[in-house]
Protein backbone atom coordinates (compact mmCIF):
# COMPACT_ATOMS: atom_id res chain seq x y z
CA MET A 1 -141.64 -42.11 180.21
CA ASP A 2 -142.78 -45.96 180.68
CA PRO A 3 -141.00 -47.71 178.57
CA GLY A 4 -143.83 -50.72 178.86
CA ARG A 5 -146.33 -48.25 178.39
CA ASP A 6 -144.95 -46.91 175.24
CA ARG A 7 -144.99 -50.05 173.58
CA LYS A 8 -148.54 -51.07 174.29
CA VAL A 9 -149.33 -47.46 172.85
CA SER A 10 -147.29 -48.62 169.47
CA ARG A 11 -149.27 -52.06 169.49
CA CYS A 12 -152.57 -50.47 169.68
CA SER A 13 -151.68 -47.81 166.92
CA VAL A 14 -150.43 -50.60 164.59
CA ILE A 15 -153.78 -52.70 165.40
CA LEU A 16 -156.13 -49.78 164.43
CA SER A 17 -154.22 -49.28 161.45
CA ILE A 18 -154.45 -52.48 159.96
CA VAL A 19 -158.12 -52.45 161.03
CA PHE A 20 -158.85 -49.35 159.03
CA LEU A 21 -156.46 -50.68 156.53
CA ILE A 22 -158.62 -53.84 156.29
CA ILE A 23 -161.64 -51.92 156.01
CA LEU A 24 -160.22 -49.51 153.52
CA LEU A 25 -159.66 -52.36 151.33
CA ILE A 26 -162.70 -54.50 151.79
CA SER A 27 -164.77 -51.36 151.05
CA THR A 28 -163.08 -50.62 147.96
CA VAL A 29 -163.41 -54.17 146.62
CA PHE A 30 -166.98 -54.31 147.74
CA SER A 31 -167.81 -51.00 145.92
CA GLU A 32 -166.01 -51.94 142.56
CA VAL A 33 -168.00 -55.71 142.71
CA ALA A 34 -171.35 -53.59 143.52
CA ALA A 35 -170.54 -51.54 140.21
CA GLU A 36 -169.93 -54.27 137.99
CA GLN A 37 -172.88 -56.06 138.91
CA ARG A 38 -175.29 -53.57 137.62
CA GLU A 39 -176.67 -54.97 134.76
CA TYR A 40 -177.70 -52.60 131.70
CA GLU A 41 -178.47 -52.84 128.22
CA THR A 42 -176.26 -50.31 126.41
CA GLU A 43 -176.70 -48.75 122.59
CA GLU A 44 -174.02 -46.58 120.90
CA PHE A 45 -174.12 -44.68 117.87
CA GLN A 46 -171.70 -41.81 116.58
CA GLU A 47 -172.76 -38.66 114.37
CA LYS A 48 -171.00 -36.27 112.58
CA VAL A 49 -173.21 -33.41 112.10
CA THR A 50 -172.66 -30.19 110.14
CA ILE A 51 -174.40 -26.72 111.56
CA PRO A 52 -174.84 -24.03 109.47
CA ALA A 53 -174.19 -20.67 110.50
CA ASN A 54 -176.54 -18.56 113.11
CA THR A 55 -178.36 -22.03 113.47
CA LEU A 56 -179.11 -25.26 115.57
CA LYS A 57 -179.19 -29.08 115.24
CA ALA A 58 -180.50 -31.72 117.93
CA LEU A 59 -180.38 -35.58 118.43
CA ASP A 60 -183.38 -37.16 119.86
CA ILE A 61 -183.19 -39.48 123.24
CA ASP A 62 -186.21 -41.21 123.75
CA PHE A 63 -186.52 -42.13 127.63
CA GLN A 64 -190.16 -43.78 128.11
CA GLU A 65 -189.90 -47.14 129.68
CA GLY A 66 -187.22 -48.51 132.20
CA LYS A 67 -185.79 -47.72 135.90
CA GLU A 68 -182.70 -45.88 134.81
CA LEU A 69 -180.78 -44.25 131.89
CA GLU A 70 -177.59 -42.89 131.80
CA VAL A 71 -176.85 -40.63 128.40
CA VAL A 72 -173.00 -40.55 128.13
CA PHE A 73 -171.93 -38.34 125.18
CA GLU A 74 -168.49 -37.18 123.74
CA ILE A 75 -168.64 -33.92 121.54
CA ASN A 76 -165.42 -32.75 119.52
CA VAL A 77 -165.69 -29.63 117.22
CA LYS A 78 -163.41 -29.62 113.97
CA ASP A 79 -161.08 -26.55 114.24
CA SER A 80 -161.98 -26.36 117.81
CA LEU A 81 -164.96 -23.58 117.22
CA PRO A 82 -166.52 -23.31 120.54
CA ILE A 83 -170.17 -24.11 120.31
CA ASP A 84 -173.02 -24.10 123.18
CA ILE A 85 -174.97 -27.20 124.01
CA TRP A 86 -178.21 -27.67 125.86
CA PHE A 87 -179.51 -31.08 127.26
CA VAL A 88 -183.45 -30.22 127.21
CA THR A 89 -186.83 -31.84 127.12
CA GLU A 90 -188.77 -31.47 123.91
CA ASP A 91 -191.13 -28.60 125.30
CA ASN A 92 -187.97 -26.59 126.54
CA TYR A 93 -186.50 -27.25 122.93
CA LEU A 94 -189.63 -25.43 121.37
CA LEU A 95 -189.05 -22.79 123.83
CA LEU A 96 -185.16 -22.67 122.73
CA SER A 97 -186.06 -22.92 118.88
CA GLY A 98 -188.62 -19.84 119.40
CA GLY A 99 -186.14 -17.51 121.17
CA ALA A 100 -187.94 -17.86 124.52
CA GLN A 101 -186.59 -18.37 128.12
CA PHE A 102 -186.19 -22.15 128.43
CA LEU A 103 -184.97 -24.91 131.34
CA PHE A 104 -182.29 -27.58 130.50
CA LEU A 105 -180.29 -29.67 132.46
CA LEU A 106 -177.04 -28.45 134.13
CA ASP A 107 -175.18 -32.19 133.68
CA GLY A 108 -175.59 -32.06 130.10
CA SER A 109 -175.56 -28.50 129.12
CA ALA A 110 -172.34 -26.02 128.63
CA LYS A 111 -171.66 -22.90 126.92
CA GLN A 112 -168.82 -22.24 124.71
CA ILE A 113 -166.92 -25.59 124.63
CA SER A 114 -164.98 -27.11 122.01
CA ASN A 115 -164.46 -30.99 123.19
CA THR A 116 -166.13 -32.03 126.24
CA ARG A 117 -167.77 -35.38 127.61
CA LYS A 118 -170.83 -35.12 129.86
CA ILE A 119 -173.06 -37.82 131.87
CA VAL A 120 -176.64 -37.49 132.35
CA THR A 121 -178.59 -39.77 134.81
CA LEU A 122 -182.53 -39.87 134.31
CA THR A 123 -184.75 -42.02 136.64
CA GLU A 124 -188.46 -42.98 136.30
CA LYS A 125 -189.74 -39.58 137.17
CA ASP A 126 -187.97 -38.30 134.14
CA HIS A 127 -189.48 -40.22 131.51
CA ASP A 128 -190.04 -38.04 128.42
CA ILE A 129 -188.27 -37.31 125.09
CA TYR A 130 -184.97 -35.18 125.30
CA LYS A 131 -183.33 -33.34 123.35
CA LEU A 132 -179.24 -32.57 122.64
CA VAL A 133 -179.17 -29.15 120.97
CA MET A 134 -175.74 -28.09 119.55
CA THR A 135 -176.20 -24.20 118.88
CA ASN A 136 -173.85 -22.45 116.39
CA TYR A 137 -173.87 -18.71 116.68
CA TYR A 138 -171.66 -17.37 114.49
CA ALA A 139 -172.69 -15.47 111.31
CA ASN A 140 -170.69 -16.71 108.53
CA GLN A 141 -169.08 -19.93 109.75
CA THR A 142 -170.40 -23.52 109.25
CA VAL A 143 -169.20 -25.99 112.21
CA ASP A 144 -168.51 -29.76 111.86
CA VAL A 145 -168.98 -31.76 115.22
CA ASP A 146 -168.26 -35.33 115.85
CA ILE A 147 -170.61 -36.94 118.51
CA ASN A 148 -170.27 -40.15 120.07
CA VAL A 149 -173.28 -41.33 122.57
CA GLU A 150 -173.84 -44.28 124.29
CA LEU A 151 -177.28 -45.20 126.34
CA ARG A 152 -177.08 -47.32 129.40
CA SER A 153 -180.44 -48.33 130.07
CA TYR A 154 -181.24 -50.41 133.65
CA CYS A 155 -184.00 -52.45 134.27
CA GLU A 156 -186.22 -52.84 137.76
CA GLU A 157 -185.21 -56.53 137.73
CA SER A 158 -181.46 -55.94 137.43
CA LYS A 159 -181.66 -53.18 140.09
CA GLU A 160 -183.48 -55.52 142.54
CA THR A 161 -180.96 -58.38 141.96
CA THR A 162 -178.13 -55.65 142.54
CA SER A 163 -179.70 -54.82 145.72
CA ASP A 164 -180.00 -58.32 146.94
CA TYR A 165 -176.21 -59.03 146.25
CA SER A 166 -175.12 -55.78 147.44
CA SER A 167 -177.44 -56.61 150.91
CA ILE A 168 -175.20 -59.98 151.10
CA LEU A 169 -172.18 -58.88 150.19
CA LEU A 170 -172.77 -55.77 152.65
CA TYR A 171 -173.00 -58.49 155.89
CA SER A 172 -170.62 -60.66 154.69
CA LEU A 173 -168.22 -57.17 154.98
CA ILE A 174 -169.73 -56.59 158.27
CA PHE A 175 -168.86 -60.21 159.87
CA ILE A 176 -165.45 -60.29 158.06
CA ILE A 177 -164.32 -57.05 159.89
CA ILE A 178 -165.99 -58.30 163.08
CA ILE A 179 -164.01 -61.69 163.12
CA LEU A 180 -160.56 -59.65 162.16
CA VAL A 181 -161.34 -57.36 165.16
CA ILE A 182 -162.08 -59.95 167.42
CA LEU A 183 -158.65 -62.22 166.01
CA LEU A 184 -156.77 -59.29 166.66
CA ILE A 185 -157.68 -58.36 169.87
CA ILE A 186 -157.34 -62.14 171.07
CA LEU A 187 -153.63 -62.01 169.35
CA TYR A 188 -152.89 -58.36 171.32
CA PHE A 189 -153.72 -59.61 174.45
CA LYS A 190 -151.88 -62.94 174.23
CA THR A 191 -148.56 -61.12 172.98
CA CYS A 192 -149.11 -58.82 176.06
CA ARG A 193 -149.11 -61.87 178.71
CA VAL A 194 -146.15 -63.37 176.75
CA ASN A 195 -144.29 -60.09 177.19
CA GLU A 196 -145.20 -59.66 180.75
CA THR A 197 -144.00 -63.11 181.63
CA LYS A 198 -140.65 -62.79 179.70
CA THR A 199 -140.68 -59.23 181.83
CA LYS A 200 -141.06 -60.99 185.55
CA ALA A 201 -138.73 -63.64 184.35
CA HIS A 202 -136.21 -61.53 183.41
CA LYS A 203 -136.96 -58.94 186.47
CA LYS A 204 -136.23 -62.59 188.74
CA ALA A 205 -133.18 -63.58 187.61
CA THR A 206 -131.84 -59.70 187.36
CA ASN A 207 -132.79 -59.85 191.29
CA LYS A 208 -130.98 -63.05 191.94
CA LYS A 209 -127.64 -61.74 190.31
CA SER A 210 -127.90 -58.61 192.21
CA LYS A 211 -128.46 -59.94 195.74
CA PRO A 212 -125.41 -60.27 198.02
CA SER A 213 -124.53 -64.33 198.70
CA LYS A 214 -124.91 -65.17 202.10
CA PRO A 215 -121.40 -66.60 203.84
CA LYS A 216 -122.30 -70.46 204.49
CA LYS A 217 -122.23 -71.48 208.14
CA SER A 218 -119.50 -73.62 209.12
CA LYS A 219 -120.85 -77.36 209.68
CA VAL A 220 -118.23 -77.74 212.21
CA LYS A 221 -118.93 -76.91 215.70
CA ALA A 222 -116.79 -74.85 217.73
CA VAL A 223 -115.51 -76.82 220.95
CA GLU A 224 -115.36 -74.66 223.85
CA LYS A 225 -112.11 -75.06 225.84
CA SER A 226 -112.75 -75.84 229.60
CA SER A 227 -110.27 -74.29 231.87
CA PRO A 228 -108.73 -76.00 234.61
CA LYS A 229 -110.64 -75.73 237.88
CA LYS A 230 -108.90 -74.06 240.68
CA ALA A 231 -108.46 -75.80 243.98
CA LYS A 232 -110.40 -74.43 246.90
CA PRO A 233 -108.06 -73.49 249.54
CA LYS A 234 -108.78 -75.64 252.59
CA SER A 235 -110.09 -74.01 255.64
CA LYS A 236 -107.92 -73.38 258.37
CA THR A 237 -108.37 -74.73 261.69
CA THR A 238 -107.75 -73.38 265.09
CA GLY A 239 -106.55 -75.19 268.12
CA PHE A 240 -104.82 -74.94 271.19
CA CYS A 241 -101.01 -75.78 271.80
CA GLY A 242 -100.83 -79.21 274.19
CA TYR A 243 -97.24 -77.75 275.84
CA CYS A 244 -98.20 -74.17 276.55
CA GLY A 245 -101.98 -74.07 275.96
CA GLU A 246 -101.78 -71.18 273.42
CA THR A 247 -103.79 -71.02 270.42
CA VAL A 248 -102.33 -72.51 267.17
CA ASP A 249 -103.53 -72.43 263.91
CA THR A 250 -100.22 -74.41 262.20
CA PRO A 251 -98.44 -77.80 262.82
CA HIS A 252 -96.21 -76.17 265.12
CA CYS A 253 -96.98 -74.20 267.96
CA LYS A 254 -95.16 -70.25 267.29
CA ASN A 255 -94.93 -69.91 270.93
CA CYS A 256 -93.26 -72.67 272.09
CA GLY A 257 -92.27 -74.47 268.75
CA ARG A 258 -93.21 -77.71 269.79
CA LYS A 259 -95.63 -79.70 267.68
CA ALA A 260 -99.05 -79.21 268.84
């Protein structure tokens, strides 16, 4: 495995993790701020309801105006005696009370409950009169119920303001993320260049240390010794002896012994 490549992969993983963490953090803050910016009017009330045996009781909820209505209610039955609850329109309440088949909203309805908390969201297309119906099916048992209700009414103006604010915040979020990504990329490449420069310098230094040093040439020039020149032998001359006439090549004649 290439150590340099492993380091690059590790740095990329760290950078991506940081980017995703920043996106997740900013998205969480964005959602919380957007939720807090939604303005609504609140109406709260509490009821203590006694339901006789084999009968039902209903709370009226009127939603005729506004953009949206959230109905948040909590029911606690004394002695934990289970009852049925139904969140219905006024027309379906008449069917329910008459023993006929009826329609109900799933978010606000349940069977055999003794303690529960429900949230029902109604939009402007759902404008109507609603009823929260509590049914006691016990033949000889009275049921006492504590009800806490909170009505959150959202008007159209507040939702438009929230939408504008959300758009601005969303664009700001995108811009911040882009800037952070660019900065991280620049930082990554700068770090890579610095590391490459350090690696090259280290390799050069290592190579210089590992190369054997060449022996320095001596500045003193070698002096060549001149060998003595050998004397060339004299060429022999040939003559004739003046006494005996024989040829001689020495100072004295070999024949007569006289000096030639």
